[in-house]
Amino acid sequence: MNFNTNDNKKNKPVTVWANYAGLGSQLIAGLLLLLYIGKKGDAYWGFKPMLIWILPFAFIFFTLYRIIKETK
């Protein structure tokens, strides 16, 4: 195998961009899913808008916690 360091340096910006795009997609998909689950859960258990607020905020909090922990 021939590992050329110049090729690895050229691909690095694309890899960083792809990581951020993947993270953004996960955030949007997770928030939409939890909003849907919260809405259905509130309707099923008769809560006023409680789960529709708690679930997305918990998701954002734990996602930011995970990102901060991974980048240290």
N, C-alpha and C. Protein backbone atom coordinates (compact mmCIF):
# COMPACT_ATOMS: atom_id res chain seq x y z
N MET A 1 0.83 -1.17 0.00
CA MET A 1 0.00 0.00 0.00
C MET A 1 0.88 1.24 0.00
N ASN A 2 0.42 2.23 -0.70
CA ASN A 2 1.14 3.48 -0.77
C ASN A 2 0.28 4.58 -0.14
N PHE A 3 0.75 5.06 1.02
CA PHE A 3 0.03 6.13 1.68
C PHE A 3 0.75 7.43 1.41
N ASN A 4 0.13 8.24 0.60
CA ASN A 4 0.71 9.53 0.25
C ASN A 4 0.15 10.59 1.19
N THR A 5 1.04 11.28 1.92
CA THR A 5 0.57 12.26 2.89
C THR A 5 -0.07 13.47 2.23
N ASN A 6 0.29 13.76 0.99
CA ASN A 6 -0.33 14.90 0.30
C ASN A 6 -1.80 14.65 0.03
N ASP A 7 -2.15 13.40 -0.31
CA ASP A 7 -3.55 13.08 -0.55
C ASP A 7 -4.36 13.19 0.74
N ASN A 8 -3.77 12.78 1.86
CA ASN A 8 -4.49 12.86 3.14
C ASN A 8 -4.76 14.31 3.53
N LYS A 9 -3.82 15.22 3.27
CA LYS A 9 -4.02 16.62 3.60
C LYS A 9 -5.09 17.25 2.72
N LYS A 10 -5.17 16.83 1.47
CA LYS A 10 -6.19 17.39 0.58
C LYS A 10 -7.58 16.94 0.97
N ASN A 11 -7.73 15.73 1.50
CA ASN A 11 -9.04 15.19 1.85
C ASN A 11 -9.51 15.66 3.23
N LYS A 12 -8.63 16.21 4.05
CA LYS A 12 -9.02 16.59 5.39
C LYS A 12 -10.13 17.64 5.45
N PRO A 13 -10.11 18.72 4.66
CA PRO A 13 -11.22 19.69 4.74
C PRO A 13 -12.57 19.06 4.38
N VAL A 14 -12.59 18.14 3.47
CA VAL A 14 -13.84 17.48 3.11
C VAL A 14 -14.33 16.62 4.27
N THR A 15 -13.41 15.95 4.95
CA THR A 15 -13.78 15.12 6.08
C THR A 15 -14.37 15.96 7.21
N VAL A 16 -13.76 17.09 7.50
CA VAL A 16 -14.27 17.98 8.55
C VAL A 16 -15.65 18.49 8.16
N TRP A 17 -15.81 18.91 6.93
CA TRP A 17 -17.11 19.39 6.46
C TRP A 17 -18.16 18.28 6.55
N ALA A 18 -17.78 17.06 6.19
CA ALA A 18 -18.73 15.94 6.23
C ALA A 18 -19.13 15.63 7.67
N ASN A 19 -18.21 15.75 8.61
CA ASN A 19 -18.55 15.51 10.01
C ASN A 19 -19.58 16.51 10.50
N TYR A 20 -19.40 17.78 10.16
CA TYR A 20 -20.36 18.80 10.60
C TYR A 20 -21.71 18.63 9.90
N ALA A 21 -21.70 18.24 8.66
CA ALA A 21 -22.96 17.99 7.95
C ALA A 21 -23.70 16.82 8.57
N GLY A 22 -22.97 15.79 8.93
CA GLY A 22 -23.59 14.63 9.59
C GLY A 22 -24.16 15.00 10.95
N LEU A 23 -23.44 15.81 11.70
CA LEU A 23 -23.93 16.24 13.00
C LEU A 23 -25.18 17.09 12.86
N GLY A 24 -25.20 17.98 11.89
CA GLY A 24 -26.39 18.80 11.66
C GLY A 24 -27.60 17.96 11.27
N SER A 25 -27.37 16.97 10.44
CA SER A 25 -28.47 16.08 10.03
C SER A 25 -29.01 15.31 11.23
N GLN A 26 -28.12 14.84 12.09
CA GLN A 26 -28.55 14.11 13.28
C GLN A 26 -29.36 15.00 14.21
N LEU A 27 -28.93 16.25 14.37
CA LEU A 27 -29.66 17.17 15.24
C LEU A 27 -31.06 17.44 14.71
N ILE A 28 -31.17 17.70 13.43
CA ILE A 28 -32.48 17.98 12.84
C ILE A 28 -33.39 16.75 12.93
N ALA A 29 -32.87 15.60 12.57
CA ALA A 29 -33.67 14.37 12.62
C ALA A 29 -34.09 14.04 14.05
N GLY A 30 -33.17 14.18 15.00
CA GLY A 30 -33.49 13.90 16.39
C GLY A 30 -34.54 14.85 16.95
N LEU A 31 -34.41 16.13 16.63
CA LEU A 31 -35.39 17.09 17.11
C LEU A 31 -36.77 16.86 16.52
N LEU A 32 -36.82 16.60 15.23
CA LEU A 32 -38.12 16.33 14.60
C LEU A 32 -38.77 15.07 15.18
N LEU A 33 -37.97 14.04 15.38
CA LEU A 33 -38.50 12.79 15.95
C LEU A 33 -39.02 13.03 17.37
N LEU A 34 -38.26 13.72 18.19
CA LEU A 34 -38.68 13.96 19.57
C LEU A 34 -39.86 14.93 19.66
N LEU A 35 -39.95 15.88 18.74
CA LEU A 35 -41.14 16.73 18.71
C LEU A 35 -42.39 15.91 18.39
N TYR A 36 -42.26 15.00 17.45
CA TYR A 36 -43.39 14.13 17.09
C TYR A 36 -43.78 13.23 18.27
N ILE A 37 -42.77 12.60 18.89
CA ILE A 37 -43.04 11.72 20.04
C ILE A 37 -43.65 12.53 21.19
N GLY A 38 -43.13 13.73 21.43
CA GLY A 38 -43.68 14.57 22.49
C GLY A 38 -45.12 14.97 22.23
N LYS A 39 -45.43 15.29 20.99
CA LYS A 39 -46.80 15.67 20.65
C LYS A 39 -47.75 14.49 20.84
N LYS A 40 -47.35 13.32 20.37
CA LYS A 40 -48.19 12.13 20.53
C LYS A 40 -48.31 11.72 22.00
N GLY A 41 -47.20 11.83 22.74
CA GLY A 41 -47.23 11.49 24.16
C GLY A 41 -48.11 12.43 24.95
N ASP A 42 -48.05 13.72 24.65
CA ASP A 42 -48.93 14.68 25.32
C ASP A 42 -50.40 14.39 25.03
N ALA A 43 -50.70 14.05 23.79
CA ALA A 43 -52.09 13.74 23.43
C ALA A 43 -52.56 12.44 24.09
N TYR A 44 -51.68 11.45 24.18
CA TYR A 44 -52.06 10.15 24.74
C TYR A 44 -52.28 10.23 26.24
N TRP A 45 -51.36 10.88 26.97
CA TRP A 45 -51.46 10.95 28.42
C TRP A 45 -52.24 12.17 28.90
N GLY A 46 -52.67 13.02 28.03
CA GLY A 46 -53.48 14.16 28.40
C GLY A 46 -52.70 15.32 29.01
N PHE A 47 -51.40 15.31 28.85
CA PHE A 47 -50.60 16.43 29.35
C PHE A 47 -50.85 17.65 28.46
N LYS A 48 -50.77 18.79 29.07
CA LYS A 48 -50.69 20.00 28.25
C LYS A 48 -49.28 20.00 27.68
N PRO A 49 -48.88 20.96 26.91
CA PRO A 49 -47.58 20.83 26.24
C PRO A 49 -46.41 20.70 27.22
N MET A 50 -46.14 19.45 27.63
CA MET A 50 -45.04 19.20 28.54
C MET A 50 -43.95 18.37 27.87
N LEU A 51 -44.32 17.22 27.34
CA LEU A 51 -43.33 16.37 26.69
C LEU A 51 -42.78 17.00 25.41
N ILE A 52 -43.61 17.77 24.74
CA ILE A 52 -43.17 18.40 23.49
C ILE A 52 -42.08 19.44 23.78
N TRP A 53 -41.97 19.92 25.02
CA TRP A 53 -40.90 20.85 25.41
C TRP A 53 -39.73 20.11 26.06
N ILE A 54 -40.02 19.17 26.93
CA ILE A 54 -38.96 18.51 27.70
C ILE A 54 -38.06 17.64 26.83
N LEU A 55 -38.63 16.84 25.95
CA LEU A 55 -37.82 15.91 25.15
C LEU A 55 -36.82 16.62 24.24
N PRO A 56 -37.22 17.62 23.45
CA PRO A 56 -36.22 18.31 22.61
C PRO A 56 -35.15 19.04 23.42
N PHE A 57 -35.55 19.68 24.54
CA PHE A 57 -34.54 20.37 25.36
C PHE A 57 -33.54 19.39 25.96
N ALA A 58 -34.02 18.24 26.41
CA ALA A 58 -33.11 17.22 26.95
C ALA A 58 -32.18 16.72 25.85
N PHE A 59 -32.70 16.53 24.66
CA PHE A 59 -31.87 16.09 23.53
C PHE A 59 -30.78 17.11 23.21
N ILE A 60 -31.14 18.39 23.17
CA ILE A 60 -30.16 19.44 22.88
C ILE A 60 -29.10 19.48 23.98
N PHE A 61 -29.53 19.42 25.24
CA PHE A 61 -28.59 19.46 26.36
C PHE A 61 -27.60 18.31 26.29
N PHE A 62 -28.08 17.08 26.13
CA PHE A 62 -27.18 15.93 26.11
C PHE A 62 -26.32 15.89 24.85
N THR A 63 -26.82 16.39 23.76
CA THR A 63 -26.02 16.45 22.54
C THR A 63 -24.88 17.45 22.70
N LEU A 64 -25.17 18.62 23.24
CA LEU A 64 -24.11 19.61 23.48
C LEU A 64 -23.11 19.09 24.50
N TYR A 65 -23.57 18.40 25.52
CA TYR A 65 -22.68 17.79 26.52
C TYR A 65 -21.73 16.79 25.84
N ARG A 66 -22.29 15.96 24.98
CA ARG A 66 -21.48 14.96 24.27
C ARG A 66 -20.46 15.62 23.36
N ILE A 67 -20.84 16.68 22.66
CA ILE A 67 -19.92 17.38 21.75
C ILE A 67 -18.79 18.02 22.54
N ILE A 68 -19.12 18.66 23.66
CA ILE A 68 -18.09 19.30 24.48
C ILE A 68 -17.15 18.25 25.05
N LYS A 69 -17.69 17.14 25.50
CA LYS A 69 -16.86 16.08 26.06
C LYS A 69 -15.93 15.48 25.01
N GLU A 70 -16.40 15.30 23.80
CA GLU A 70 -15.59 14.72 22.73
C GLU A 70 -14.51 15.65 22.22
N THR A 71 -14.72 16.96 22.31
CA THR A 71 -13.76 17.91 21.75
C THR A 71 -12.68 18.33 22.74
N LYS A 72 -12.76 17.90 23.98
CA LYS A 72 -11.71 18.25 24.96
C LYS A 72 -10.48 17.42 24.74
